């Protein structure tokens, strides 16, 4: 009889611990950081603005664009909480005016990206990158927006004197790029070729 009592008590303690663990897991993922980057191609006039949201764990995303009068990209992060932290300004207001976050009562966080004008589906891309423990990078939600502007006047001169040639393989870290049918990774093939060119 006493054995059954203690067994029942241990079972209750274990169940309460399990419930607490599940509740902690259901508490949601946190947005831990926000950063921007900007790149411009002097020849084509293409400007790319990239917004990177770092999170404490993997998340699912949904997206849609609102049209006139306010062109916006709304990216919904499911089960994600956003603490109050300062959002840095856009690095190029001609591409992205600003970014804000709206917390939903359904435990969603909406990331709202404002544009200065109309935007087409081929001008933006939303993707995710898994956490990379080796390179100590967290899970990331990446929003990339591009716009073409008229390039300035460029003056080219022949030869390599006074010039810097940069070979950039692209991808790397937690971003493998395309993966071939036999498992080959674009980042490794690019790096091998770049090293040969160097």
C-alpha atoms as a PDB file:
ATOM      1  CA  UNK A   1       0.000   0.000   0.000  1.00  0.00           C
ATOM      2  CA  UNK A   2       2.777   2.391   0.960  1.00  0.00           C
ATOM      3  CA  UNK A   3       4.652   1.501  -2.259  1.00  0.00           C
ATOM      4  CA  UNK A   4       1.598   2.443  -4.354  1.00  0.00           C
ATOM      5  CA  UNK A   5       1.311   5.768  -2.498  1.00  0.00           C
ATOM      6  CA  UNK A   6       4.921   6.735  -3.192  1.00  0.00           C
ATOM      7  CA  UNK A   7       4.700   5.502  -6.784  1.00  0.00           C
ATOM      8  CA  UNK A   8       1.619   7.687  -7.305  1.00  0.00           C
ATOM      9  CA  UNK A   9       3.401  10.679  -5.737  1.00  0.00           C
ATOM     10  CA  UNK A  10       6.444  10.202  -7.991  1.00  0.00           C
ATOM     11  CA  UNK A  11       4.169   9.912 -11.010  1.00  0.00           C
ATOM     12  CA  UNK A  12       2.437  13.205 -10.099  1.00  0.00           C
ATOM     13  CA  UNK A  13       5.785  14.969  -9.630  1.00  0.00           C
ATOM     14  CA  UNK A  14       7.013  13.655 -12.978  1.00  0.00           C
ATOM     15  CA  UNK A  15       3.795  14.739 -14.761  1.00  0.00           C
ATOM     16  CA  UNK A  16       3.992  18.233 -13.248  1.00  0.00           C
ATOM     17  CA  UNK A  17       7.624  18.507 -14.402  1.00  0.00           C
ATOM     18  CA  UNK A  18       6.638  17.327 -17.882  1.00  0.00           C
ATOM     19  CA  UNK A  19       3.790  19.873 -18.029  1.00  0.00           C
ATOM     20  CA  UNK A  20       6.142  22.669 -16.959  1.00  0.00           C
ATOM     21  CA  UNK A  21       8.641  21.606 -19.638  1.00  0.00           C
ATOM     22  CA  UNK A  22       5.959  21.601 -22.334  1.00  0.00           C
ATOM     23  CA  UNK A  23       4.683  24.995 -21.165  1.00  0.00           C
ATOM     24  CA  UNK A  24       8.197  26.414 -21.391  1.00  0.00           C
ATOM     25  CA  UNK A  25       8.555  25.001 -24.911  1.00  0.00           C
ATOM     26  CA  UNK A  26       5.168  26.481 -25.900  1.00  0.00           C
ATOM     27  CA  UNK A  27       6.213  29.905 -24.622  1.00  0.00           C
ATOM     28  CA  UNK A  28       7.388  30.683 -28.149  1.00  0.00           C
ATOM     29  CA  UNK A  29      10.487  31.820 -29.957  1.00  0.00           C
ATOM     30  CA  UNK A  30      12.031  35.233 -29.332  1.00  0.00           C
ATOM     31  CA  UNK A  31      13.366  37.682 -31.900  1.00  0.00           C
ATOM     32  CA  UNK A  32      16.884  38.311 -30.639  1.00  0.00           C
ATOM     33  CA  UNK A  33      18.242  40.759 -33.208  1.00  0.00           C
ATOM     34  CA  UNK A  34      17.546  42.829 -36.315  1.00  0.00           C
ATOM     35  CA  UNK A  35      20.137  44.025 -38.817  1.00  0.00           C
ATOM     36  CA  UNK A  36      20.227  45.535 -42.294  1.00  0.00           C
ATOM     37  CA  UNK A  37      22.626  45.368 -45.203  1.00  0.00           C
ATOM     38  CA  UNK A  38      22.759  47.200 -48.515  1.00  0.00           C
ATOM     39  CA  UNK A  39      24.545  46.360 -51.756  1.00  0.00           C
ATOM     40  CA  UNK A  40      24.615  48.291 -55.024  1.00  0.00           C
ATOM     41  CA  UNK A  41      25.819  47.283 -58.499  1.00  0.00           C
ATOM     42  CA  UNK A  42      27.483  50.293 -60.130  1.00  0.00           C
ATOM     43  CA  UNK A  43      27.083  48.822 -63.642  1.00  0.00           C
ATOM     44  CA  UNK A  44      23.435  47.663 -63.628  1.00  0.00           C
ATOM     45  CA  UNK A  45      22.136  50.125 -61.028  1.00  0.00           C
ATOM     46  CA  UNK A  46      20.580  47.278 -59.008  1.00  0.00           C
ATOM     47  CA  UNK A  47      20.261  48.040 -55.273  1.00  0.00           C
ATOM     48  CA  UNK A  48      19.571  45.240 -52.788  1.00  0.00           C
ATOM     49  CA  UNK A  49      18.461  45.879 -49.224  1.00  0.00           C
ATOM     50  CA  UNK A  50      18.467  42.885 -46.920  1.00  0.00           C
ATOM     51  CA  UNK A  51      16.720  42.684 -43.552  1.00  0.00           C
ATOM     52  CA  UNK A  52      17.854  39.864 -41.260  1.00  0.00           C
ATOM     53  CA  UNK A  53      15.794  38.837 -38.221  1.00  0.00           C
ATOM     54  CA  UNK A  54      17.625  36.571 -35.793  1.00  0.00           C
ATOM     55  CA  UNK A  55      15.456  34.264 -33.674  1.00  0.00           C
ATOM     56  CA  UNK A  56      16.068  31.933 -30.751  1.00  0.00           C
ATOM     57  CA  UNK A  57      14.680  28.967 -32.690  1.00  0.00           C
ATOM     58  CA  UNK A  58      13.157  27.896 -36.015  1.00  0.00           C
ATOM     59  CA  UNK A  59       9.943  29.605 -37.098  1.00  0.00           C
ATOM     60  CA  UNK A  60       7.324  29.320 -39.835  1.00  0.00           C
ATOM     61  CA  UNK A  61       6.634  32.381 -41.972  1.00  0.00           C
ATOM     62  CA  UNK A  62       3.789  33.613 -44.162  1.00  0.00           C
ATOM     63  CA  UNK A  63       3.787  36.722 -46.348  1.00  0.00           C
ATOM     64  CA  UNK A  64       1.539  39.035 -48.343  1.00  0.00           C
ATOM     65  CA  UNK A  65       1.742  42.497 -49.909  1.00  0.00           C
ATOM     66  CA  UNK A  66      -0.745  45.311 -49.382  1.00  0.00           C
ATOM     67  CA  UNK A  67      -1.315  47.688 -52.300  1.00  0.00           C
ATOM     68  CA  UNK A  68      -2.305  51.339 -52.638  1.00  0.00           C
ATOM     69  CA  UNK A  69      -2.232  53.710 -50.890  1.00  0.00           C
ATOM     70  CA  UNK A  70       0.426  52.104 -48.647  1.00  0.00           C
ATOM     71  CA  UNK A  71       2.621  49.505 -50.299  1.00  0.00           C
ATOM     72  CA  UNK A  72       3.780  47.092 -47.595  1.00  0.00           C
ATOM     73  CA  UNK A  73       5.154  43.597 -47.237  1.00  0.00           C
ATOM     74  CA  UNK A  74       3.735  41.834 -44.183  1.00  0.00           C
ATOM     75  CA  UNK A  75       5.700  38.800 -42.981  1.00  0.00           C
ATOM     76  CA  UNK A  76       3.986  36.800 -40.230  1.00  0.00           C
ATOM     77  CA  UNK A  77       6.213  34.842 -37.841  1.00  0.00           C
ATOM     78  CA  UNK A  78       4.171  32.104 -36.167  1.00  0.00           C
ATOM     79  CA  UNK A  79       4.573  31.603 -32.424  1.00  0.00           C
ATOM     80  CA  UNK A  80       7.176  34.342 -32.137  1.00  0.00           C
ATOM     81  CA  UNK A  81       7.438  36.991 -29.422  1.00  0.00           C
ATOM     82  CA  UNK A  82       9.192  40.306 -29.997  1.00  0.00           C
ATOM     83  CA  UNK A  83      10.594  42.153 -27.010  1.00  0.00           C
ATOM     84  CA  UNK A  84      10.803  45.906 -27.090  1.00  0.00           C
ATOM     85  CA  UNK A  85      14.102  46.734 -28.741  1.00  0.00           C
ATOM     86  CA  UNK A  86      15.170  49.553 -31.001  1.00  0.00           C
ATOM     87  CA  UNK A  87      14.765  48.847 -34.725  1.00  0.00           C
ATOM     88  CA  UNK A  88      17.574  50.441 -36.748  1.00  0.00           C
ATOM     89  CA  UNK A  89      16.536  52.703 -39.645  1.00  0.00           C
ATOM     90  CA  UNK A  90      16.545  51.459 -43.225  1.00  0.00           C
ATOM     91  CA  UNK A  91      19.923  51.841 -44.965  1.00  0.00           C
ATOM     92  CA  UNK A  92      18.211  53.078 -48.150  1.00  0.00           C
ATOM     93  CA  UNK A  93      14.802  54.788 -47.960  1.00  0.00           C
ATOM     94  CA  UNK A  94      14.494  54.702 -51.762  1.00  0.00           C
ATOM     95  CA  UNK A  95      14.093  50.900 -51.521  1.00  0.00           C
ATOM     96  CA  UNK A  96      12.641  50.315 -48.030  1.00  0.00           C
ATOM     97  CA  UNK A  97      11.146  53.223 -46.095  1.00  0.00           C
ATOM     98  CA  UNK A  98      11.017  51.547 -42.694  1.00  0.00           C
ATOM     99  CA  UNK A  99      10.285  48.351 -40.781  1.00  0.00           C
ATOM    100  CA  UNK A 100       8.033  47.854 -37.773  1.00  0.00           C
ATOM    101  CA  UNK A 101       6.699  44.967 -35.695  1.00  0.00           C
ATOM    102  CA  UNK A 102       3.127  44.327 -34.616  1.00  0.00           C
ATOM    103  CA  UNK A 103       2.353  41.708 -31.960  1.00  0.00           C
ATOM    104  CA  UNK A 104      -0.827  39.700 -32.591  1.00  0.00           C
ATOM    105  CA  UNK A 105      -2.998  38.394 -29.724  1.00  0.00           C
ATOM    106  CA  UNK A 106      -2.739  34.952 -31.373  1.00  0.00           C
ATOM    107  CA  UNK A 107       0.965  34.747 -30.469  1.00  0.00           C
ATOM    108  CA  UNK A 108       2.093  35.870 -33.915  1.00  0.00           C
ATOM    109  CA  UNK A 109       4.458  38.702 -34.726  1.00  0.00           C
ATOM    110  CA  UNK A 110       3.890  40.643 -37.932  1.00  0.00           C
ATOM    111  CA  UNK A 111       6.965  42.259 -39.491  1.00  0.00           C
ATOM    112  CA  UNK A 112       5.786  45.167 -41.627  1.00  0.00           C
ATOM    113  CA  UNK A 113       8.160  46.461 -44.333  1.00  0.00           C
ATOM    114  CA  UNK A 114       7.095  49.766 -45.902  1.00  0.00           C
ATOM    115  CA  UNK A 115       8.000  50.714 -49.495  1.00  0.00           C
ATOM    116  CA  UNK A 116       8.102  54.188 -51.047  1.00  0.00           C
ATOM    117  CA  UNK A 117       6.001  52.989 -54.003  1.00  0.00           C
ATOM    118  CA  UNK A 118       4.660  50.016 -55.899  1.00  0.00           C
ATOM    119  CA  UNK A 119       6.517  46.694 -55.721  1.00  0.00           C
ATOM    120  CA  UNK A 120       6.207  43.552 -57.830  1.00  0.00           C
ATOM    121  CA  UNK A 121       6.572  39.936 -56.736  1.00  0.00           C
ATOM    122  CA  UNK A 122       9.976  39.559 -58.402  1.00  0.00           C
ATOM    123  CA  UNK A 123      11.390  42.488 -56.407  1.00  0.00           C
ATOM    124  CA  UNK A 124      11.308  40.822 -53.003  1.00  0.00           C
ATOM    125  CA  UNK A 125      12.101  37.442 -51.470  1.00  0.00           C
ATOM    126  CA  UNK A 126      11.500  35.989 -47.999  1.00  0.00           C
ATOM    127  CA  UNK A 127      13.581  33.007 -46.917  1.00  0.00           C
ATOM    128  CA  UNK A 128      14.876  31.291 -43.770  1.00  0.00           C
ATOM    129  CA  UNK A 129      18.305  30.023 -42.792  1.00  0.00           C
ATOM    130  CA  UNK A 130      18.800  27.314 -40.155  1.00  0.00           C
ATOM    131  CA  UNK A 131      20.970  27.904 -37.120  1.00  0.00           C
ATOM    132  CA  UNK A 132      24.640  27.054 -37.615  1.00  0.00           C
ATOM    133  CA  UNK A 133      26.267  25.996 -34.341  1.00  0.00           C
ATOM    134  CA  UNK A 134      29.688  25.667 -35.958  1.00  0.00           C
ATOM    135  CA  UNK A 135      29.682  29.312 -37.075  1.00  0.00           C
ATOM    136  CA  UNK A 136      27.623  30.415 -34.042  1.00  0.00           C
ATOM    137  CA  UNK A 137      24.810  31.938 -36.103  1.00  0.00           C
ATOM    138  CA  UNK A 138      21.165  31.698 -34.965  1.00  0.00           C
ATOM    139  CA  UNK A 139      18.102  30.840 -37.032  1.00  0.00           C
ATOM    140  CA  UNK A 140      17.421  33.712 -39.431  1.00  0.00           C
ATOM    141  CA  UNK A 141      14.481  35.082 -41.382  1.00  0.00           C
ATOM    142  CA  UNK A 142      15.845  36.991 -44.387  1.00  0.00           C
ATOM    143  CA  UNK A 143      13.808  39.602 -46.286  1.00  0.00           C
ATOM    144  CA  UNK A 144      15.516  40.864 -49.445  1.00  0.00           C
ATOM    145  CA  UNK A 145      14.194  43.744 -51.535  1.00  0.00           C
ATOM    146  CA  UNK A 146      15.718  44.992 -54.783  1.00  0.00           C
ATOM    147  CA  UNK A 147      15.241  48.027 -56.972  1.00  0.00           C
ATOM    148  CA  UNK A 148      16.910  49.174 -60.175  1.00  0.00           C
ATOM    149  CA  UNK A 149      17.965  52.803 -60.444  1.00  0.00           C
ATOM    150  CA  UNK A 150      19.668  54.595 -63.294  1.00  0.00           C
ATOM    151  CA  UNK A 151      23.423  53.993 -62.882  1.00  0.00           C
ATOM    152  CA  UNK A 152      25.738  56.977 -62.798  1.00  0.00           C
ATOM    153  CA  UNK A 153      28.332  57.780 -65.432  1.00  0.00           C
ATOM    154  CA  UNK A 154      31.230  55.338 -65.183  1.00  0.00           C
ATOM    155  CA  UNK A 155      34.659  55.899 -66.622  1.00  0.00           C
ATOM    156  CA  UNK A 156      36.507  52.689 -67.415  1.00  0.00           C
ATOM    157  CA  UNK A 157      40.156  52.420 -68.411  1.00  0.00           C
ATOM    158  CA  UNK A 158      41.946  49.295 -69.687  1.00  0.00           C
ATOM    159  CA  UNK A 159      44.479  47.245 -67.752  1.00  0.00           C
ATOM    160  CA  UNK A 160      44.681  46.168 -64.124  1.00  0.00           C
ATOM    161  CA  UNK A 161      46.923  48.933 -62.793  1.00  0.00           C
ATOM    162  CA  UNK A 162      45.271  50.654 -59.822  1.00  0.00           C
ATOM    163  CA  UNK A 163      42.389  48.185 -59.729  1.00  0.00           C
ATOM    164  CA  UNK A 164      41.339  45.544 -57.220  1.00  0.00           C
ATOM    165  CA  UNK A 165      39.897  42.261 -58.485  1.00  0.00           C
ATOM    166  CA  UNK A 166      37.687  40.510 -55.938  1.00  0.00           C
ATOM    167  CA  UNK A 167      36.645  36.877 -56.310  1.00  0.00           C
ATOM    168  CA  UNK A 168      33.554  36.207 -54.178  1.00  0.00           C
ATOM    169  CA  UNK A 169      32.279  32.609 -54.203  1.00  0.00           C
ATOM    170  CA  UNK A 170      29.017  33.585 -52.487  1.00  0.00           C
ATOM    171  CA  UNK A 171      26.967  31.465 -50.057  1.00  0.00           C
ATOM    172  CA  UNK A 172      28.907  29.726 -47.263  1.00  0.00           C
ATOM    173  CA  UNK A 173      28.349  29.126 -43.557  1.00  0.00           C
ATOM    174  CA  UNK A 174      24.799  27.930 -42.995  1.00  0.00           C
ATOM    175  CA  UNK A 175      23.785  28.797 -46.583  1.00  0.00           C
ATOM    176  CA  UNK A 176      24.735  25.873 -48.842  1.00  0.00           C
ATOM    177  CA  UNK A 177      23.160  27.339 -51.986  1.00  0.00           C
ATOM    178  CA  UNK A 178      21.753  24.801 -54.439  1.00  0.00           C
ATOM    179  CA  UNK A 179      22.233  21.100 -53.673  1.00  0.00           C
ATOM    180  CA  UNK A 180      22.802  18.736 -56.592  1.00  0.00           C
ATOM    181  CA  UNK A 181      21.188  15.349 -57.195  1.00  0.00           C
ATOM    182  CA  UNK A 182      24.312  13.599 -55.863  1.00  0.00           C
ATOM    183  CA  UNK A 183      24.479  15.852 -52.769  1.00  0.00           C
ATOM    184  CA  UNK A 184      27.079  18.312 -54.084  1.00  0.00           C
ATOM    185  CA  UNK A 185      26.752  21.769 -52.517  1.00  0.00           C
ATOM    186  CA  UNK A 186      26.915  24.979 -54.502  1.00  0.00           C
ATOM    187  CA  UNK A 187      28.936  26.731 -51.790  1.00  0.00           C
ATOM    188  CA  UNK A 188      31.717  24.116 -51.986  1.00  0.00           C
ATOM    189  CA  UNK A 189      31.838  24.086 -55.794  1.00  0.00           C
ATOM    190  CA  UNK A 190      31.923  27.906 -55.840  1.00  0.00           C
ATOM    191  CA  UNK A 191      34.733  27.980 -53.286  1.00  0.00           C
ATOM    192  CA  UNK A 192      36.797  25.391 -55.175  1.00  0.00           C
ATOM    193  CA  UNK A 193      36.455  27.352 -58.406  1.00  0.00           C
ATOM    194  CA  UNK A 194      37.186  30.685 -56.702  1.00  0.00           C
ATOM    195  CA  UNK A 195      40.390  29.285 -55.184  1.00  0.00           C
ATOM    196  CA  UNK A 196      41.499  28.064 -58.620  1.00  0.00           C
ATOM    197  CA  UNK A 197      40.780  31.497 -60.133  1.00  0.00           C
ATOM    198  CA  UNK A 198      42.795  33.127 -57.344  1.00  0.00           C
END
